[in-house]
Protein backbone atom coordinates (compact mmCIF):
# COMPACT_ATOMS: atom_id res chain seq x y z
CA UNK A 1 42.22 196.39 22.35
CA UNK A 2 42.94 197.80 18.90
CA UNK A 3 39.90 200.06 19.34
CA UNK A 4 41.24 201.21 22.70
CA UNK A 5 44.50 202.21 21.04
CA UNK A 6 42.67 203.96 18.20
CA UNK A 7 40.60 205.86 20.75
CA UNK A 8 43.81 207.02 22.41
CA UNK A 9 44.51 209.01 19.25
CA UNK A 10 41.10 210.74 19.28
CA UNK A 11 41.73 212.98 22.33
CA UNK A 12 44.97 214.15 20.72
CA UNK A 13 43.06 215.30 17.63
CA UNK A 14 39.71 216.56 18.94
CA UNK A 15 40.17 216.89 22.71
CA UNK A 16 37.21 214.60 23.44
CA UNK A 17 37.32 212.10 26.28
CA UNK A 18 35.87 208.64 25.66
CA UNK A 19 34.76 205.74 27.84
CA UNK A 20 34.09 202.27 26.51
CA UNK A 21 32.79 199.08 28.14
CA UNK A 22 33.12 195.69 26.49
CA UNK A 23 33.22 191.93 27.00
CA UNK A 24 35.02 189.16 25.08
CA UNK A 25 33.56 186.82 22.48
CA UNK A 26 35.45 183.87 23.96
CA UNK A 27 37.62 183.33 27.05
CA UNK A 28 40.96 184.93 26.22
CA UNK A 29 44.25 185.35 28.06
CA UNK A 30 45.89 188.77 27.68
CA UNK A 31 49.57 189.04 28.58
CA UNK A 32 51.00 192.23 29.99
CA UNK A 33 53.30 194.06 27.59
CA UNK A 34 56.47 192.90 29.34
CA UNK A 35 55.49 189.29 30.10
CA UNK A 36 57.37 186.49 28.26
CA UNK A 37 54.86 184.44 26.28
CA UNK A 38 56.44 181.19 27.51
CA UNK A 39 55.23 182.09 31.00
CA UNK A 40 51.72 181.07 30.03
CA UNK A 41 52.92 177.52 30.74
CA UNK A 42 52.82 178.58 34.37
CA UNK A 43 49.03 178.56 34.12
CA UNK A 44 47.78 175.26 32.65
CA UNK A 45 44.10 176.07 33.29
CA UNK A 46 44.09 178.73 30.53
CA UNK A 47 46.31 176.83 28.09
CA UNK A 48 43.48 176.18 25.62
CA UNK A 49 42.39 179.83 25.51
CA UNK A 50 43.45 182.22 22.73
CA UNK A 51 46.21 184.62 23.78
CA UNK A 52 46.88 188.27 23.01
CA UNK A 53 49.40 190.80 24.31
CA UNK A 54 48.27 194.11 25.77
CA UNK A 55 50.00 197.41 25.05
CA UNK A 56 50.14 198.12 28.80
CA UNK A 57 52.04 196.31 31.52
CA UNK A 58 50.95 194.18 34.44
CA UNK A 59 50.12 190.53 34.83
CA UNK A 60 48.07 188.23 32.63
CA UNK A 61 44.27 188.56 32.69
CA UNK A 62 41.80 185.81 31.87
CA UNK A 63 38.95 187.67 30.15
CA UNK A 64 35.83 185.60 30.63
CA UNK A 65 33.19 186.49 33.22
CA UNK A 66 34.37 190.06 33.57
CA UNK A 67 33.77 193.60 32.33
CA UNK A 68 36.58 195.41 30.54
CA UNK A 69 36.58 199.21 30.36
CA UNK A 70 38.74 201.85 28.70
CA UNK A 71 38.96 205.60 29.26
CA UNK A 72 40.88 207.97 27.01
CA UNK A 73 41.55 211.52 28.21
CA UNK A 74 43.03 214.43 26.24
CA UNK A 75 46.25 216.07 27.31
CA UNK A 76 44.38 219.13 28.61
CA UNK A 77 42.42 217.11 31.16
CA UNK A 78 43.81 217.58 34.67
CA UNK A 79 43.92 213.85 35.42
CA UNK A 80 45.81 213.11 32.20
CA UNK A 81 48.85 214.55 33.93
CA UNK A 82 48.18 212.83 37.26
CA UNK A 83 48.30 209.12 36.60
CA UNK A 84 47.77 207.87 40.14
CA UNK A 85 44.90 210.27 40.71
CA UNK A 86 43.21 208.88 37.60
CA UNK A 87 43.53 205.36 38.97
CA UNK A 88 42.02 206.50 42.26
CA UNK A 89 39.17 208.43 40.63
CA UNK A 90 38.07 205.49 38.49
CA UNK A 91 38.43 202.92 41.26
CA UNK A 92 36.64 205.10 43.83
CA UNK A 93 33.72 205.56 41.43
CA UNK A 94 33.59 201.78 40.94
CA UNK A 95 33.64 201.16 44.69
CA UNK A 96 30.74 203.58 45.17
CA UNK A 97 28.75 201.88 42.39
CA UNK A 98 29.37 198.44 43.90
CA UNK A 99 28.29 199.71 47.32
CA UNK A 100 24.95 200.75 45.84
CA UNK A 101 24.57 197.12 44.75
CA UNK A 102 25.36 195.81 48.21
CA UNK A 103 28.96 194.84 47.38
CA UNK A 104 31.57 196.09 49.84
CA UNK A 105 35.00 196.85 48.34
CA UNK A 106 37.99 199.09 49.07
CA UNK A 107 41.23 200.26 47.48
CA UNK A 108 44.40 198.36 48.38
CA UNK A 109 46.68 200.57 50.45
CA UNK A 110 49.56 198.18 51.14
CA UNK A 111 51.93 196.80 52.12
CA UNK A 112 53.36 195.92 48.73
CA UNK A 113 53.92 192.29 47.82
CA UNK A 114 57.39 190.81 48.19
CA UNK A 115 58.89 187.75 46.57
CA UNK A 116 58.08 186.25 43.18
CA UNK A 117 55.49 188.14 41.13
CA UNK A 118 52.40 186.02 40.33
CA UNK A 119 51.61 185.34 36.67
CA UNK A 120 47.98 186.47 36.91
CA UNK A 121 47.12 190.13 37.42
CA UNK A 122 44.34 189.32 39.89
CA UNK A 123 46.82 187.58 42.16
CA UNK A 124 48.99 190.69 42.27
CA UNK A 125 48.46 193.70 44.54
CA UNK A 126 49.21 197.25 43.44
CA UNK A 127 48.33 200.37 45.39
CA UNK A 128 44.83 201.44 44.41
CA UNK A 129 43.60 198.02 43.24
CA UNK A 130 40.01 197.25 44.21
CA UNK A 131 39.68 194.45 46.78
CA UNK A 132 36.72 192.66 48.31
CA UNK A 133 38.14 191.28 51.51
CA UNK A 134 41.43 189.59 50.58
CA UNK A 135 40.53 189.15 46.91
CA UNK A 136 41.24 191.55 44.06
CA UNK A 137 38.16 192.21 41.93
CA UNK A 138 39.37 195.11 39.76
CA UNK A 139 42.64 196.50 38.48
CA UNK A 140 43.78 198.93 35.79
CA UNK A 141 46.73 199.85 33.60
CA UNK A 142 47.68 202.94 31.62
CA UNK A 143 49.39 204.00 28.45
CA UNK A 144 50.40 207.54 27.54
CA UNK A 145 50.85 208.97 24.05
CA UNK A 146 51.71 212.59 23.21
CA UNK A 147 50.26 213.70 26.53
CA UNK A 148 46.90 211.94 26.13
CA UNK A 149 46.31 208.94 28.38
CA UNK A 150 44.48 205.64 28.03
CA UNK A 151 43.45 203.69 31.10
CA UNK A 152 41.88 200.30 30.78
CA UNK A 153 40.98 197.73 33.36
CA UNK A 154 38.96 194.70 34.28
CA UNK A 155 36.23 194.01 36.84
CA UNK A 156 35.97 190.33 37.79
CA UNK A 157 32.28 189.49 37.99
CA UNK A 158 32.43 185.71 38.39
CA UNK A 159 34.88 182.80 38.48
CA UNK A 160 36.07 181.38 35.17
CA UNK A 161 36.72 177.68 34.67
CA UNK A 162 39.96 178.81 32.99
CA UNK A 163 41.12 180.63 36.13
CA UNK A 164 39.41 178.70 38.93
CA UNK A 165 41.70 180.14 41.60
CA UNK A 166 40.10 183.58 41.19
CA UNK A 167 36.68 184.17 42.75
CA UNK A 168 34.65 187.02 41.33
CA UNK A 169 32.02 189.27 42.85
CA UNK A 170 29.43 186.55 42.31
CA UNK A 171 31.24 184.01 44.46
CA UNK A 172 32.40 186.46 47.12
CA UNK A 173 28.92 187.87 47.68
CA UNK A 174 26.81 184.90 46.50
CA UNK A 175 24.96 187.00 43.99
CA UNK A 176 24.92 187.51 40.24
CA UNK A 177 26.14 190.87 39.00
CA UNK A 178 24.87 191.75 35.56
CA UNK A 179 26.94 194.06 33.41
CA UNK A 180 24.12 196.54 32.84
CA UNK A 181 23.35 196.70 36.55
CA UNK A 182 26.97 197.70 37.23
CA UNK A 183 27.38 200.22 34.42
CA UNK A 184 24.15 202.04 35.34
CA UNK A 185 25.30 203.31 38.78
CA UNK A 186 28.96 203.52 37.71
CA UNK A 187 28.57 206.01 34.86
CA UNK A 188 27.26 209.02 36.85
CA UNK A 189 29.89 208.49 39.52
CA UNK A 190 32.57 208.19 36.86
CA UNK A 191 31.41 211.44 35.29
CA UNK A 192 31.50 213.19 38.65
CA UNK A 193 35.03 211.97 39.48
CA UNK A 194 36.40 212.84 36.03
CA UNK A 195 34.37 216.08 35.78
CA UNK A 196 33.14 215.24 32.29
CA UNK A 197 29.76 214.45 30.76
CA UNK A 198 29.59 211.39 28.51
CA UNK A 199 27.01 210.95 25.74
CA UNK A 200 26.30 207.73 23.78
CA UNK A 201 28.05 207.83 20.42
CA UNK A 202 28.70 205.67 17.39
CA UNK A 203 32.36 205.12 16.61
CA UNK A 204 33.33 207.10 13.51
CA UNK A 205 34.50 205.12 10.51
CA UNK A 206 38.05 206.56 10.57
CA UNK A 207 38.46 205.27 14.14
CA UNK A 208 37.19 201.83 13.14
CA UNK A 209 39.53 201.79 10.14
CA UNK A 210 42.45 202.79 12.35
CA UNK A 211 41.57 200.00 14.79
CA UNK A 212 41.52 197.44 11.97
CA UNK A 213 45.01 198.50 10.91
CA UNK A 214 46.30 198.40 14.50
CA UNK A 215 44.82 194.92 14.91
CA UNK A 216 46.52 193.79 11.71
CA UNK A 217 49.89 195.10 12.79
CA UNK A 218 49.74 194.24 16.48
CA UNK A 219 46.95 192.52 18.37
CA UNK A 220 46.02 190.12 15.59
CA UNK A 221 49.63 189.47 14.67
CA UNK A 222 51.42 186.51 16.28
CA UNK A 223 54.75 188.31 15.88
CA UNK A 224 53.47 190.97 18.32
CA UNK A 225 52.07 188.43 20.74
CA UNK A 226 55.22 186.29 20.76
CA UNK A 227 57.69 189.18 20.63
CA UNK A 228 58.90 188.45 24.18
């Protein structure tokens, strides 16, 4: 997450868009920016997992058998100024990639949920979320800085023992979805929707150094995690 934030600064300086896919070393609960940390008691199944706080809003996510992505766009990019269209572009490209794999999904179009907001992100429904039947399998959040925009999200590939109430693609379609087999068809569709061409790249040392400092100040700092 510190790298995601460091990458948000890159488009502001060099105008280059970036996309990043990653997984987590151990099952981890990430709180939305505005969630009180005491609310994690509402979810006993994940109580033993490490906890971090995201810089974007939304509900808590249990990062385990899932794929996390981040996209940073410079201010000049058309979709950097059209937040909802960016959500739609990324989610539509994901839906098309899943369809190629035999997984049927669609964007949530409403109606909005009423009543108490669930603790977990994947039990919430926001317009544009990716659903397989009645179950959410992908969602995203955004953060803007000096006109550049960072969007990150999560694709739930399989059920976690630390969030057993959430089935992933594997359970819903009785098949294993490997990360590489999802990224392969997703990338060209993502490029087409965003109208950019991505090339593999090694993170420059200044970006890595910036991420280390951000982690020290925020994501690796309990004062940040417990601030609410």
